[in-house]
Amino acid sequence: MAKYGDITSTGQSGTIYQFEAYSWDAPFDEVGAVYIITGRTVKPEGGGTHARIYIGQTADLSERFDNHHKISCFERHNANCICIHVDDNENSRRTKEADLIAGYRPPCND
């Protein structure tokens, strides 16, 4: 499992959320989280940029990606990174998810 670093994402409300960015094959513990599927591009000078492909939330991050219902969309958009924001409160996760989707309008959140 490779942790790439941290990224911020801003919701439509202006709220800034902190996420940890991991490689696509990273295993996760059984925790609740808001997650962003991204296409990460490495910059020549180091670091990377993230194209937000899908934003979701789950009560169990350890099982969420095994057969995700949007996997074909992820593949079409070259997803290679999972960014997580741990949050055990379902209402809070759903609010953050909606705020971020409204702010970014990711292509796989149709």
C-alpha atoms as a PDB file:
ATOM      1  CA  MET A   1       0.000   0.000   0.000  1.00  0.00           C
ATOM      2  CA  ALA A   2       1.381   3.356  -0.979  1.00  0.00           C
ATOM      3  CA  LYS A   3       0.269   6.544   0.692  1.00  0.00           C
ATOM      4  CA  TYR A   4       0.957   9.422  -1.669  1.00  0.00           C
ATOM      5  CA  GLY A   5       0.248  12.275   0.717  1.00  0.00           C
ATOM      6  CA  ASP A   6      -2.606  14.558   1.647  1.00  0.00           C
ATOM      7  CA  ILE A   7      -4.940  16.582  -0.553  1.00  0.00           C
ATOM      8  CA  THR A   8      -7.665  19.103   0.153  1.00  0.00           C
ATOM      9  CA  SER A   9     -11.028  19.263  -1.565  1.00  0.00           C
ATOM     10  CA  THR A  10     -13.435  22.169  -1.289  1.00  0.00           C
ATOM     11  CA  GLY A  11     -17.179  21.637  -1.246  1.00  0.00           C
ATOM     12  CA  GLN A  12     -19.735  23.914  -2.885  1.00  0.00           C
ATOM     13  CA  SER A  13     -20.269  25.458   0.567  1.00  0.00           C
ATOM     14  CA  GLY A  14     -16.629  26.598   0.679  1.00  0.00           C
ATOM     15  CA  THR A  15     -15.766  24.065   3.380  1.00  0.00           C
ATOM     16  CA  ILE A  16     -12.298  22.571   2.910  1.00  0.00           C
ATOM     17  CA  TYR A  17     -11.935  18.851   3.613  1.00  0.00           C
ATOM     18  CA  GLN A  18      -8.637  17.029   4.212  1.00  0.00           C
ATOM     19  CA  PHE A  19      -8.083  13.676   2.487  1.00  0.00           C
ATOM     20  CA  GLU A  20      -5.278  11.112   2.548  1.00  0.00           C
ATOM     21  CA  ALA A  21      -4.351   9.845  -0.938  1.00  0.00           C
ATOM     22  CA  TYR A  22      -3.526   6.148  -1.460  1.00  0.00           C
ATOM     23  CA  SER A  23      -2.706   3.873  -4.371  1.00  0.00           C
ATOM     24  CA  TRP A  24      -5.631   2.105  -6.034  1.00  0.00           C
ATOM     25  CA  ASP A  25      -4.685  -1.272  -4.525  1.00  0.00           C
ATOM     26  CA  ALA A  26      -4.474  -0.039  -0.921  1.00  0.00           C
ATOM     27  CA  PRO A  27      -6.284  -2.175   1.677  1.00  0.00           C
ATOM     28  CA  PHE A  28      -8.315  -0.265   4.254  1.00  0.00           C
ATOM     29  CA  ASP A  29      -9.586  -0.962   7.752  1.00  0.00           C
ATOM     30  CA  GLU A  30     -13.282  -1.272   8.529  1.00  0.00           C
ATOM     31  CA  VAL A  31     -14.008   2.416   9.114  1.00  0.00           C
ATOM     32  CA  GLY A  32     -16.545   4.925   7.872  1.00  0.00           C
ATOM     33  CA  ALA A  33     -15.279   7.484   5.392  1.00  0.00           C
ATOM     34  CA  VAL A  34     -15.977   9.870   2.574  1.00  0.00           C
ATOM     35  CA  TYR A  35     -13.823   8.877  -0.388  1.00  0.00           C
ATOM     36  CA  ILE A  36     -12.794  10.351  -3.714  1.00  0.00           C
ATOM     37  CA  ILE A  37     -11.717   8.203  -6.635  1.00  0.00           C
ATOM     38  CA  THR A  38      -9.146  10.179  -8.628  1.00  0.00           C
ATOM     39  CA  GLY A  39      -6.881  10.003 -11.603  1.00  0.00           C
ATOM     40  CA  ARG A  40      -3.537  11.040 -10.134  1.00  0.00           C
ATOM     41  CA  THR A  41      -0.893  12.528 -12.406  1.00  0.00           C
ATOM     42  CA  VAL A  42       2.650  12.850 -11.064  1.00  0.00           C
ATOM     43  CA  LYS A  43       4.345  16.210 -11.613  1.00  0.00           C
ATOM     44  CA  PRO A  44       7.991  16.212 -12.800  1.00  0.00           C
ATOM     45  CA  GLU A  45       8.978  18.337  -9.788  1.00  0.00           C
ATOM     46  CA  GLY A  46       7.257  15.944  -7.374  1.00  0.00           C
ATOM     47  CA  GLY A  47       3.789  15.650  -5.949  1.00  0.00           C
ATOM     48  CA  GLY A  48       0.770  15.196  -8.147  1.00  0.00           C
ATOM     49  CA  THR A  49      -2.559  16.510  -9.341  1.00  0.00           C
ATOM     50  CA  HIS A  50      -5.881  14.739  -8.934  1.00  0.00           C
ATOM     51  CA  ALA A  51      -8.798  14.661 -11.360  1.00  0.00           C
ATOM     52  CA  ARG A  52     -11.848  13.883  -9.233  1.00  0.00           C
ATOM     53  CA  ILE A  53     -13.734  11.025 -10.880  1.00  0.00           C
ATOM     54  CA  TYR A  54     -16.212   9.895  -8.199  1.00  0.00           C
ATOM     55  CA  ILE A  55     -17.147  10.960  -4.675  1.00  0.00           C
ATOM     56  CA  GLY A  56     -18.872   8.585  -2.283  1.00  0.00           C
ATOM     57  CA  GLN A  57     -19.252   7.573   1.340  1.00  0.00           C
ATOM     58  CA  THR A  58     -19.308   4.268   3.139  1.00  0.00           C
ATOM     59  CA  ALA A  59     -19.669   2.825   6.631  1.00  0.00           C
ATOM     60  CA  ASP A  60     -17.020   0.175   5.813  1.00  0.00           C
ATOM     61  CA  LEU A  61     -14.063   1.299   3.742  1.00  0.00           C
ATOM     62  CA  SER A  62     -12.585  -2.219   3.767  1.00  0.00           C
ATOM     63  CA  GLU A  63     -15.305  -3.588   1.449  1.00  0.00           C
ATOM     64  CA  ARG A  64     -16.367  -0.625  -0.652  1.00  0.00           C
ATOM     65  CA  PHE A  65     -14.199  -1.136  -3.759  1.00  0.00           C
ATOM     66  CA  ASP A  66     -14.283  -4.911  -4.263  1.00  0.00           C
ATOM     67  CA  ASN A  67     -17.072  -4.775  -6.843  1.00  0.00           C
ATOM     68  CA  HIS A  68     -18.027  -1.104  -6.933  1.00  0.00           C
ATOM     69  CA  HIS A  69     -21.063  -0.426  -9.118  1.00  0.00           C
ATOM     70  CA  LYS A  70     -19.153   2.341 -10.971  1.00  0.00           C
ATOM     71  CA  ILE A  71     -15.939   0.400 -11.669  1.00  0.00           C
ATOM     72  CA  SER A  72     -16.344   0.563 -15.461  1.00  0.00           C
ATOM     73  CA  CYS A  73     -16.664   4.356 -15.253  1.00  0.00           C
ATOM     74  CA  PHE A  74     -13.560   4.492 -13.042  1.00  0.00           C
ATOM     75  CA  GLU A  75     -11.645   2.503 -15.650  1.00  0.00           C
ATOM     76  CA  ARG A  76     -12.813   4.765 -18.508  1.00  0.00           C
ATOM     77  CA  HIS A  77     -11.495   7.782 -16.584  1.00  0.00           C
ATOM     78  CA  ASN A  78      -8.153   6.163 -15.642  1.00  0.00           C
ATOM     79  CA  ALA A  79      -8.738   5.997 -11.889  1.00  0.00           C
ATOM     80  CA  ASN A  80      -5.574   5.102 -10.001  1.00  0.00           C
ATOM     81  CA  CYS A  81      -5.963   6.660  -6.555  1.00  0.00           C
ATOM     82  CA  ILE A  82      -8.348   6.555  -3.589  1.00  0.00           C
ATOM     83  CA  CYS A  83      -8.471   9.563  -1.266  1.00  0.00           C
ATOM     84  CA  ILE A  84     -10.114   9.061   2.121  1.00  0.00           C
ATOM     85  CA  HIS A  85     -11.548  11.302   4.825  1.00  0.00           C
ATOM     86  CA  VAL A  86     -12.382   9.142   7.866  1.00  0.00           C
ATOM     87  CA  ASP A  87     -15.743   9.958   9.479  1.00  0.00           C
ATOM     88  CA  ASP A  88     -17.765   7.458  11.537  1.00  0.00           C
ATOM     89  CA  ASN A  89     -20.974   9.536  11.528  1.00  0.00           C
ATOM     90  CA  GLU A  90     -23.312   8.629   8.652  1.00  0.00           C
ATOM     91  CA  ASN A  91     -25.190  11.947   8.631  1.00  0.00           C
ATOM     92  CA  SER A  92     -21.914  13.860   8.573  1.00  0.00           C
ATOM     93  CA  ARG A  93     -20.558  11.670   5.738  1.00  0.00           C
ATOM     94  CA  ARG A  94     -23.685  12.161   3.639  1.00  0.00           C
ATOM     95  CA  THR A  95     -23.558  15.941   4.134  1.00  0.00           C
ATOM     96  CA  LYS A  96     -19.884  16.089   3.141  1.00  0.00           C
ATOM     97  CA  GLU A  97     -20.469  13.789   0.169  1.00  0.00           C
ATOM     98  CA  ALA A  98     -23.303  15.981  -1.162  1.00  0.00           C
ATOM     99  CA  ASP A  99     -21.271  19.170  -0.620  1.00  0.00           C
ATOM    100  CA  LEU A 100     -18.275  17.778  -2.513  1.00  0.00           C
ATOM    101  CA  ILE A 101     -20.357  16.332  -5.366  1.00  0.00           C
ATOM    102  CA  ALA A 102     -22.084  19.697  -5.805  1.00  0.00           C
ATOM    103  CA  GLY A 103     -18.708  21.439  -5.853  1.00  0.00           C
ATOM    104  CA  TYR A 104     -16.905  19.139  -8.294  1.00  0.00           C
ATOM    105  CA  ARG A 105     -19.628  17.357 -10.303  1.00  0.00           C
ATOM    106  CA  PRO A 106     -17.430  14.298 -10.930  1.00  0.00           C
ATOM    107  CA  PRO A 107     -18.122  12.425 -14.191  1.00  0.00           C
ATOM    108  CA  CYS A 108     -18.994   9.107 -12.507  1.00  0.00           C
ATOM    109  CA  ASN A 109     -21.502  10.675 -10.069  1.00  0.00           C
ATOM    110  CA  ASP A 110     -24.280  10.770 -12.664  1.00  0.00           C
END
